[in-house]
């Protein structure tokens, strides 16, 4: 259920999920499946990517929750290890994910 929810309700009920508008559907990607890259970097081939800007960083125990404005209704949440989370609010970044980790969600 966690990795392959079928509805938005279930996806959100069992944990945080980022919602991205798709063609006549909504795509969900879990925060731990997203990675951050510098604005001049090219993410590895085969990954989906969106350009954005860091809005905030929040320490949450063993992870840093990074909110990134990519032009959607809500900022994307990226879970990052504290040693890898060097970006600061205002920084331009690229958010990338493997399409195999995205799910199409029904209402």
Protein backbone atom coordinates (compact mmCIF):
# COMPACT_ATOMS: atom_id res chain seq x y z
CA UNK A 1 0.00 0.00 0.00
CA UNK A 2 2.78 2.45 0.87
CA UNK A 3 4.74 2.05 -2.38
CA UNK A 4 1.79 1.60 -4.74
CA UNK A 5 -1.30 3.37 -3.41
CA UNK A 6 -4.18 3.66 -5.84
CA UNK A 7 -5.89 6.77 -4.46
CA UNK A 8 -4.81 10.12 -3.08
CA UNK A 9 -6.54 9.36 0.20
CA UNK A 10 -4.61 6.13 0.77
CA UNK A 11 -1.33 7.67 -0.38
CA UNK A 12 -1.66 10.52 2.10
CA UNK A 13 -3.06 8.31 4.89
CA UNK A 14 -0.05 5.99 4.98
CA UNK A 15 2.61 8.73 4.72
CA UNK A 16 3.64 11.96 3.05
CA UNK A 17 3.43 12.13 -0.73
CA UNK A 18 4.10 14.84 -3.29
CA UNK A 19 1.30 15.38 -5.80
CA UNK A 20 2.14 16.50 -9.33
CA UNK A 21 -0.45 17.32 -11.96
CA UNK A 22 -0.27 15.02 -14.99
CA UNK A 23 -2.28 14.70 -18.18
CA UNK A 24 -5.79 14.02 -16.83
CA UNK A 25 -4.35 12.42 -13.68
CA UNK A 26 -2.31 13.09 -10.55
CA UNK A 27 1.16 11.64 -10.07
CA UNK A 28 2.41 10.85 -6.59
CA UNK A 29 6.07 10.59 -5.51
CA UNK A 30 7.21 9.95 -1.94
CA UNK A 31 9.65 12.52 -0.45
CA UNK A 32 12.37 9.89 0.06
CA UNK A 33 12.30 9.08 -3.68
CA UNK A 34 13.27 12.62 -4.72
CA UNK A 35 16.84 13.84 -5.05
CA UNK A 36 18.27 17.35 -5.26
CA UNK A 37 20.81 18.47 -7.84
CA UNK A 38 22.53 21.79 -8.42
CA UNK A 39 21.09 24.05 -11.14
CA UNK A 40 24.06 23.40 -13.44
CA UNK A 41 24.03 19.62 -12.90
CA UNK A 42 22.46 17.16 -15.26
CA UNK A 43 20.50 14.50 -13.37
CA UNK A 44 21.31 10.91 -14.36
CA UNK A 45 19.68 9.73 -17.62
CA UNK A 46 16.16 8.38 -17.32
CA UNK A 47 15.11 10.51 -14.36
CA UNK A 48 12.23 12.96 -14.42
CA UNK A 49 13.28 16.43 -13.29
CA UNK A 50 11.82 19.81 -12.40
CA UNK A 51 13.63 23.08 -11.76
CA UNK A 52 12.76 24.87 -8.56
CA UNK A 53 13.90 27.00 -5.67
CA UNK A 54 14.32 25.94 -2.04
CA UNK A 55 11.70 27.48 0.21
CA UNK A 56 12.72 26.04 3.56
CA UNK A 57 14.61 23.30 5.42
CA UNK A 58 13.38 21.53 8.53
CA UNK A 59 15.39 19.21 10.74
CA UNK A 60 13.32 16.06 11.44
CA UNK A 61 15.52 13.69 13.41
CA UNK A 62 17.62 11.60 11.04
CA UNK A 63 16.48 13.52 7.93
CA UNK A 64 16.17 17.06 6.65
CA UNK A 65 12.83 17.93 5.02
CA UNK A 66 13.46 20.38 2.21
CA UNK A 67 10.53 22.23 0.62
CA UNK A 68 11.07 23.16 -3.03
CA UNK A 69 8.83 25.47 -5.07
CA UNK A 70 8.56 23.99 -8.57
CA UNK A 71 5.51 26.01 -9.63
CA UNK A 72 2.87 23.51 -8.46
CA UNK A 73 0.09 24.26 -5.97
CA UNK A 74 2.19 22.94 -3.07
CA UNK A 75 5.97 22.86 -2.75
CA UNK A 76 7.57 19.45 -3.14
CA UNK A 77 8.93 17.81 0.00
CA UNK A 78 12.36 16.22 -0.41
CA UNK A 79 13.70 14.01 2.39
CA UNK A 80 17.48 14.25 2.52
CA UNK A 81 20.23 12.97 4.79
CA UNK A 82 21.72 15.80 6.90
CA UNK A 83 25.17 15.23 5.37
CA UNK A 84 23.76 15.66 1.85
CA UNK A 85 21.50 18.65 2.48
CA UNK A 86 23.83 21.59 1.82
CA UNK A 87 21.24 23.68 -0.03
CA UNK A 88 19.76 26.71 1.71
CA UNK A 89 16.49 28.64 1.21
CA UNK A 90 16.60 30.66 -1.98
CA UNK A 91 18.96 28.28 -3.79
CA UNK A 92 17.98 27.18 -7.30
CA UNK A 93 17.89 23.38 -7.59
CA UNK A 94 16.71 20.53 -9.76
CA UNK A 95 14.43 17.94 -8.17
CA UNK A 96 14.71 14.53 -9.83
CA UNK A 97 13.12 11.10 -9.43
CA UNK A 98 13.05 7.74 -11.10
CA UNK A 99 9.72 7.33 -12.95
CA UNK A 100 9.46 3.80 -11.53
CA UNK A 101 8.92 5.40 -8.12
CA UNK A 102 5.99 7.54 -9.26
CA UNK A 103 2.40 6.32 -9.05
CA UNK A 104 -0.73 7.43 -10.87
CA UNK A 105 -3.39 8.25 -8.27
CA UNK A 106 -7.14 8.22 -8.67
CA UNK A 107 -9.43 10.51 -6.70
